[in-house]
């Protein structure tokens, strides 16, 4: 127990051809386009909700909105 070697052994990379570096993943502009589309559509949705709320508020203030008959 006292003389146990608990260190990990290194792989032997004596030959240069043994080491093959990973090619970096090619990232496109897909994420950028998704974020831009989300911001645009979110802004458009907020604008439409605000437009509807303003129209409803105007109808209530003018008294032209009738409930029932």
PDB file of N, CA and C in Angstrom:
ATOM      1  N   UNK A   1       0.821  -1.178   0.000  1.00  0.00           N
ATOM      2  CA  UNK A   1       0.000   0.000   0.000  1.00  0.00           C
ATOM      3  C   UNK A   1       0.871   1.249   0.000  1.00  0.00           C
ATOM      4  N   UNK A   2       1.988   1.148   0.682  1.00  0.00           N
ATOM      5  CA  UNK A   2       2.848   2.307   0.835  1.00  0.00           C
ATOM      6  C   UNK A   2       3.555   2.662  -0.468  1.00  0.00           C
ATOM      7  N   UNK A   3       3.864   1.672  -1.285  1.00  0.00           N
ATOM      8  CA  UNK A   3       4.629   1.899  -2.505  1.00  0.00           C
ATOM      9  C   UNK A   3       3.759   1.880  -3.760  1.00  0.00           C
ATOM     10  N   UNK A   4       2.451   2.002  -3.592  1.00  0.00           N
ATOM     11  CA  UNK A   4       1.567   1.989  -4.767  1.00  0.00           C
ATOM     12  C   UNK A   4       1.784   3.246  -5.596  1.00  0.00           C
ATOM     13  N   UNK A   5       1.890   3.055  -6.900  1.00  0.00           N
ATOM     14  CA  UNK A   5       2.032   4.187  -7.812  1.00  0.00           C
ATOM     15  C   UNK A   5       0.663   4.452  -8.438  1.00  0.00           C
ATOM     16  N   UNK A   6       0.014   5.510  -8.006  1.00  0.00           N
ATOM     17  CA  UNK A   6      -1.348   5.792  -8.447  1.00  0.00           C
ATOM     18  C   UNK A   6      -1.404   6.800  -9.583  1.00  0.00           C
ATOM     19  N   UNK A   7      -0.258   7.140 -10.124  1.00  0.00           N
ATOM     20  CA  UNK A   7      -0.255   8.100 -11.221  1.00  0.00           C
ATOM     21  C   UNK A   7      -0.618   7.419 -12.534  1.00  0.00           C
ATOM     22  N   UNK A   8      -1.295   8.178 -13.390  1.00  0.00           N
ATOM     23  CA  UNK A   8      -1.687   7.639 -14.695  1.00  0.00           C
ATOM     24  C   UNK A   8      -0.467   7.531 -15.587  1.00  0.00           C
ATOM     25  N   UNK A   9      -0.440   6.493 -16.403  1.00  0.00           N
ATOM     26  CA  UNK A   9       0.663   6.319 -17.325  1.00  0.00           C
ATOM     27  C   UNK A   9       0.399   7.121 -18.592  1.00  0.00           C
ATOM     28  N   UNK A  10       1.461   7.702 -19.102  1.00  0.00           N
ATOM     29  CA  UNK A  10       1.334   8.467 -20.337  1.00  0.00           C
ATOM     30  C   UNK A  10       1.417   7.535 -21.531  1.00  0.00           C
ATOM     31  N   UNK A  11       0.699   7.916 -22.577  1.00  0.00           N
ATOM     32  CA  UNK A  11       0.813   7.165 -23.821  1.00  0.00           C
ATOM     33  C   UNK A  11       2.139   7.516 -24.479  1.00  0.00           C
ATOM     34  N   UNK A  12       2.731   6.534 -25.081  1.00  0.00           N
ATOM     35  CA  UNK A  12       3.999   6.767 -25.772  1.00  0.00           C
ATOM     36  C   UNK A  12       3.724   7.392 -27.135  1.00  0.00           C
ATOM     37  N   UNK A  13       4.227   8.592 -27.339  1.00  0.00           N
ATOM     38  CA  UNK A  13       4.089   9.264 -28.622  1.00  0.00           C
ATOM     39  C   UNK A  13       5.466   9.428 -29.246  1.00  0.00           C
ATOM     40  N   UNK A  14       6.127   8.300 -29.435  1.00  0.00           N
ATOM     41  CA  UNK A  14       7.478   8.343 -29.997  1.00  0.00           C
ATOM     42  C   UNK A  14       7.449   8.757 -31.458  1.00  0.00           C
ATOM     43  N   UNK A  15       6.468   8.254 -32.175  1.00  0.00           N
ATOM     44  CA  UNK A  15       6.400   8.560 -33.596  1.00  0.00           C
ATOM     45  C   UNK A  15       5.495   9.774 -33.804  1.00  0.00           C
ATOM     46  N   UNK A  16       5.902  10.677 -34.676  1.00  0.00           N
ATOM     47  CA  UNK A  16       5.127  11.887 -34.939  1.00  0.00           C
ATOM     48  C   UNK A  16       3.800  11.525 -35.602  1.00  0.00           C
ATOM     49  N   UNK A  17       3.794  10.448 -36.368  1.00  0.00           N
ATOM     50  CA  UNK A  17       2.578  10.062 -37.088  1.00  0.00           C
ATOM     51  C   UNK A  17       1.511   9.485 -36.158  1.00  0.00           C
ATOM     52  N   UNK A  18       1.888   9.148 -34.924  1.00  0.00           N
ATOM     53  CA  UNK A  18       0.902   8.618 -33.989  1.00  0.00           C
ATOM     54  C   UNK A  18      -0.064   9.704 -33.533  1.00  0.00           C
ATOM     55  N   UNK A  19       0.408  10.945 -33.493  1.00  0.00           N
ATOM     56  CA  UNK A  19      -0.418  12.040 -33.000  1.00  0.00           C
ATOM     57  C   UNK A  19      -1.161  12.686 -34.162  1.00  0.00           C
ATOM     58  N   UNK A  20      -2.475  12.581 -34.142  1.00  0.00           N
ATOM     59  CA  UNK A  20      -3.292  13.184 -35.189  1.00  0.00           C
ATOM     60  C   UNK A  20      -4.142  14.263 -34.519  1.00  0.00           C
ATOM     61  N   UNK A  21      -3.855  15.525 -34.787  1.00  0.00           N
ATOM     62  CA  UNK A  21      -4.641  16.583 -34.142  1.00  0.00           C
ATOM     63  C   UNK A  21      -6.061  16.604 -34.683  1.00  0.00           C
ATOM     64  N   UNK A  22      -6.981  16.944 -33.800  1.00  0.00           N
ATOM     65  CA  UNK A  22      -8.373  17.046 -34.220  1.00  0.00           C
ATOM     66  C   UNK A  22      -8.562  18.315 -35.025  1.00  0.00           C
ATOM     67  N   UNK A  23      -9.337  18.198 -36.069  1.00  0.00           N
ATOM     68  CA  UNK A  23      -9.632  19.392 -36.854  1.00  0.00           C
ATOM     69  C   UNK A  23     -10.702  20.188 -36.105  1.00  0.00           C
ATOM     70  N   UNK A  24     -10.543  21.489 -36.026  1.00  0.00           N
ATOM     71  CA  UNK A  24     -11.548  22.289 -35.315  1.00  0.00           C
ATOM     72  C   UNK A  24     -12.882  22.239 -36.036  1.00  0.00           C
ATOM     73  N   UNK A  25     -13.949  22.215 -35.260  1.00  0.00           N
ATOM     74  CA  UNK A  25     -15.282  22.155 -35.846  1.00  0.00           C
ATOM     75  C   UNK A  25     -15.574  23.453 -36.585  1.00  0.00           C
ATOM     76  N   UNK A  26     -16.077  23.300 -37.787  1.00  0.00           N
ATOM     77  CA  UNK A  26     -16.384  24.489 -38.583  1.00  0.00           C
ATOM     78  C   UNK A  26     -17.718  25.049 -38.122  1.00  0.00           C
ATOM     79  N   UNK A  27     -17.681  26.277 -37.661  1.00  0.00           N
ATOM     80  CA  UNK A  27     -18.898  26.930 -37.209  1.00  0.00           C
ATOM     81  C   UNK A  27     -19.357  27.914 -38.271  1.00  0.00           C
ATOM     82  N   UNK A  28     -20.623  27.801 -38.587  1.00  0.00           N
ATOM     83  CA  UNK A  28     -21.179  28.737 -39.551  1.00  0.00           C
ATOM     84  C   UNK A  28     -21.839  29.891 -38.828  1.00  0.00           C
ATOM     85  N   UNK A  29     -22.556  30.673 -39.582  1.00  0.00           N
ATOM     86  CA  UNK A  29     -23.264  31.798 -39.016  1.00  0.00           C
ATOM     87  C   UNK A  29     -24.662  31.403 -38.583  1.00  0.00           C
ATOM     88  N   UNK A  30     -24.887  30.108 -38.399  1.00  0.00           N
ATOM     89  CA  UNK A  30     -26.221  29.616 -38.080  1.00  0.00           C
ATOM     90  C   UNK A  30     -26.710  30.175 -36.748  1.00  0.00           C
ATOM     91  N   UNK A  31     -25.868  30.175 -35.745  1.00  0.00           N
ATOM     92  CA  UNK A  31     -26.272  30.676 -34.427  1.00  0.00           C
ATOM     93  C   UNK A  31     -26.534  32.173 -34.478  1.00  0.00           C
ATOM     94  N   UNK A  32     -25.719  32.887 -35.213  1.00  0.00           N
ATOM     95  CA  UNK A  32     -25.902  34.336 -35.332  1.00  0.00           C
ATOM     96  C   UNK A  32     -27.224  34.639 -36.013  1.00  0.00           C
ATOM     97  N   UNK A  33     -27.544  33.879 -37.049  1.00  0.00           N
ATOM     98  CA  UNK A  33     -28.808  34.091 -37.759  1.00  0.00           C
ATOM     99  C   UNK A  33     -30.002  33.721 -36.897  1.00  0.00           C
ATOM    100  N   UNK A  34     -29.867  32.680 -36.088  1.00  0.00           N
ATOM    101  CA  UNK A  34     -30.963  32.281 -35.203  1.00  0.00           C
ATOM    102  C   UNK A  34     -31.220  33.344 -34.147  1.00  0.00           C
ATOM    103  N   UNK A  35     -30.159  33.896 -33.580  1.00  0.00           N
ATOM    104  CA  UNK A  35     -30.332  34.947 -32.572  1.00  0.00           C
ATOM    105  C   UNK A  35     -30.937  36.189 -33.200  1.00  0.00           C
ATOM    106  N   UNK A  36     -30.467  36.569 -34.386  1.00  0.00           N
ATOM    107  CA  UNK A  36     -31.003  37.755 -35.063  1.00  0.00           C
ATOM    108  C   UNK A  36     -32.475  37.563 -35.415  1.00  0.00           C
ATOM    109  N   UNK A  37     -32.836  36.373 -35.888  1.00  0.00           N
ATOM    110  CA  UNK A  37     -34.238  36.108 -36.217  1.00  0.00           C
ATOM    111  C   UNK A  37     -35.097  36.112 -34.959  1.00  0.00           C
ATOM    112  N   UNK A  38     -34.574  35.588 -33.859  1.00  0.00           N
ATOM    113  CA  UNK A  38     -35.321  35.590 -32.607  1.00  0.00           C
ATOM    114  C   UNK A  38     -35.561  36.987 -32.075  1.00  0.00           C
ATOM    115  N   UNK A  39     -34.540  37.833 -32.176  1.00  0.00           N
ATOM    116  CA  UNK A  39     -34.693  39.217 -31.719  1.00  0.00           C
ATOM    117  C   UNK A  39     -35.712  39.951 -32.588  1.00  0.00           C
ATOM    118  N   UNK A  40     -35.625  39.751 -33.886  1.00  0.00           N
ATOM    119  CA  UNK A  40     -36.548  40.415 -34.795  1.00  0.00           C
ATOM    120  C   UNK A  40     -37.983  39.946 -34.571  1.00  0.00           C
ATOM    121  N   UNK A  41     -38.196  38.643 -34.497  1.00  0.00           N
ATOM    122  CA  UNK A  41     -39.555  38.125 -34.315  1.00  0.00           C
ATOM    123  C   UNK A  41     -40.105  38.473 -32.934  1.00  0.00           C
ATOM    124  N   UNK A  42     -39.247  38.498 -31.933  1.00  0.00           N
ATOM    125  CA  UNK A  42     -39.685  38.899 -30.601  1.00  0.00           C
ATOM    126  C   UNK A  42     -40.112  40.352 -30.570  1.00  0.00           C
ATOM    127  N   UNK A  43     -39.357  41.209 -31.232  1.00  0.00           N
ATOM    128  CA  UNK A  43     -39.724  42.616 -31.318  1.00  0.00           C
ATOM    129  C   UNK A  43     -41.014  42.818 -32.090  1.00  0.00           C
ATOM    130  N   UNK A  44     -41.184  42.056 -33.158  1.00  0.00           N
ATOM    131  CA  UNK A  44     -42.419  42.142 -33.944  1.00  0.00           C
ATOM    132  C   UNK A  44     -43.626  41.696 -33.124  1.00  0.00           C
ATOM    133  N   UNK A  45     -43.473  40.620 -32.359  1.00  0.00           N
ATOM    134  CA  UNK A  45     -44.570  40.135 -31.519  1.00  0.00           C
ATOM    135  C   UNK A  45     -44.914  41.149 -30.439  1.00  0.00           C
ATOM    136  N   UNK A  46     -43.913  41.739 -29.824  1.00  0.00           N
ATOM    137  CA  UNK A  46     -44.177  42.765 -28.805  1.00  0.00           C
ATOM    138  C   UNK A  46     -44.872  43.981 -29.401  1.00  0.00           C
ATOM    139  N   UNK A  47     -44.478  44.369 -30.599  1.00  0.00           N
ATOM    140  CA  UNK A  47     -45.112  45.503 -31.259  1.00  0.00           C
ATOM    141  C   UNK A  47     -46.581  45.210 -31.561  1.00  0.00           C
ATOM    142  N   UNK A  48     -46.872  43.987 -32.023  1.00  0.00           N
ATOM    143  CA  UNK A  48     -48.261  43.629 -32.320  1.00  0.00           C
ATOM    144  C   UNK A  48     -49.105  43.580 -31.057  1.00  0.00           C
ATOM    145  N   UNK A  49     -48.552  43.074 -29.978  1.00  0.00           N
ATOM    146  CA  UNK A  49     -49.288  43.046 -28.709  1.00  0.00           C
ATOM    147  C   UNK A  49     -49.547  44.471 -28.227  1.00  0.00           C
ATOM    148  N   UNK A  50     -48.556  45.326 -28.337  1.00  0.00           N
ATOM    149  CA  UNK A  50     -48.736  46.713 -27.924  1.00  0.00           C
ATOM    150  C   UNK A  50     -49.786  47.406 -28.798  1.00  0.00           C
ATOM    151  N   UNK A  51     -49.797  47.117 -30.083  1.00  0.00           N
ATOM    152  CA  UNK A  51     -50.779  47.702 -30.991  1.00  0.00           C
ATOM    153  C   UNK A  51     -52.190  47.259 -30.618  1.00  0.00           C
ATOM    154  N   UNK A  52     -52.350  45.966 -30.325  1.00  0.00           N
ATOM    155  CA  UNK A  52     -53.660  45.461 -29.924  1.00  0.00           C
ATOM    156  C   UNK A  52     -54.109  46.041 -28.598  1.00  0.00           C
ATOM    157  N   UNK A  53     -53.198  46.151 -27.649  1.00  0.00           N
ATOM    158  CA  UNK A  53     -53.552  46.714 -26.345  1.00  0.00           C
ATOM    159  C   UNK A  53     -53.920  48.186 -26.467  1.00  0.00           C
ATOM    160  N   UNK A  54     -53.218  48.915 -27.323  1.00  0.00           N
ATOM    161  CA  UNK A  54     -53.527  50.330 -27.527  1.00  0.00           C
ATOM    162  C   UNK A  54     -54.898  50.494 -28.183  1.00  0.00           C
ATOM    163  N   UNK A  55     -55.206  49.646 -29.157  1.00  0.00           N
ATOM    164  CA  UNK A  55     -56.515  49.720 -29.819  1.00  0.00           C
ATOM    165  C   UNK A  55     -57.626  49.390 -28.834  1.00  0.00           C
ATOM    166  N   UNK A  56     -57.429  48.387 -28.011  1.00  0.00           N
ATOM    167  CA  UNK A  56     -58.439  48.024 -27.012  1.00  0.00           C
ATOM    168  C   UNK A  56     -58.622  49.134 -25.992  1.00  0.00           C
ATOM    169  N   UNK A  57     -57.543  49.743 -25.561  1.00  0.00           N
ATOM    170  CA  UNK A  57     -57.612  50.840 -24.596  1.00  0.00           C
ATOM    171  C   UNK A  57     -58.327  52.046 -25.206  1.00  0.00           C
ATOM    172  N   UNK A  58     -58.066  52.321 -26.492  1.00  0.00           N
ATOM    173  CA  UNK A  58     -58.734  53.439 -27.162  1.00  0.00           C
ATOM    174  C   UNK A  58     -60.232  53.187 -27.266  1.00  0.00           C
ATOM    175  N   UNK A  59     -60.618  51.954 -27.573  1.00  0.00           N
ATOM    176  CA  UNK A  59     -62.040  51.627 -27.651  1.00  0.00           C
ATOM    177  C   UNK A  59     -62.705  51.769 -26.282  1.00  0.00           C
ATOM    178  N   UNK A  60     -61.994  51.369 -25.238  1.00  0.00           N
ATOM    179  CA  UNK A  60     -62.577  51.499 -23.900  1.00  0.00           C
ATOM    180  C   UNK A  60     -62.717  52.974 -23.515  1.00  0.00           C
ATOM    181  N   UNK A  61     -61.738  53.772 -23.882  1.00  0.00           N
ATOM    182  CA  UNK A  61     -61.801  55.193 -23.514  1.00  0.00           C
ATOM    183  C   UNK A  61     -62.884  55.932 -24.308  1.00  0.00           C
ATOM    184  N   UNK A  62     -63.106  55.528 -25.542  1.00  0.00           N
ATOM    185  CA  UNK A  62     -64.130  56.171 -26.351  1.00  0.00           C
ATOM    186  C   UNK A  62     -65.536  55.651 -26.009  1.00  0.00           C
ATOM    187  N   UNK A  63     -65.593  54.545 -25.321  1.00  0.00           N
ATOM    188  CA  UNK A  63     -66.885  53.978 -24.968  1.00  0.00           C
ATOM    189  C   UNK A  63     -67.567  53.281 -26.108  1.00  0.00           C
ATOM    190  N   UNK A  64     -66.832  52.940 -27.163  1.00  0.00           N
ATOM    191  CA  UNK A  64     -67.436  52.264 -28.304  1.00  0.00           C
ATOM    192  C   UNK A  64     -67.408  50.754 -28.150  1.00  0.00           C
ATOM    193  N   UNK A  65     -66.811  50.253 -27.089  1.00  0.00           N
ATOM    194  CA  UNK A  65     -66.773  48.822 -26.848  1.00  0.00           C
ATOM    195  C   UNK A  65     -67.984  48.437 -26.026  1.00  0.00           C
ATOM    196  N   UNK A  66     -68.791  47.576 -26.565  1.00  0.00           N
ATOM    197  CA  UNK A  66     -70.013  47.195 -25.859  1.00  0.00           C
ATOM    198  C   UNK A  66     -69.905  45.745 -25.417  1.00  0.00           C
ATOM    199  N   UNK A  67     -70.339  45.479 -24.222  1.00  0.00           N
ATOM    200  CA  UNK A  67     -70.357  44.127 -23.687  1.00  0.00           C
ATOM    201  C   UNK A  67     -71.818  43.648 -23.717  1.00  0.00           C
ATOM    202  N   UNK A  68     -72.041  42.513 -24.331  1.00  0.00           N
ATOM    203  CA  UNK A  68     -73.416  42.009 -24.402  1.00  0.00           C
ATOM    204  C   UNK A  68     -74.200  42.715 -25.504  1.00  0.00           C
ATOM    205  N   UNK A  69     -75.478  42.952 -25.279  1.00  0.00           N
ATOM    206  CA  UNK A  69     -76.320  43.556 -26.314  1.00  0.00           C
ATOM    207  C   UNK A  69     -76.652  44.907 -25.958  1.00  0.00           C
TER     208      UNK A  69
END
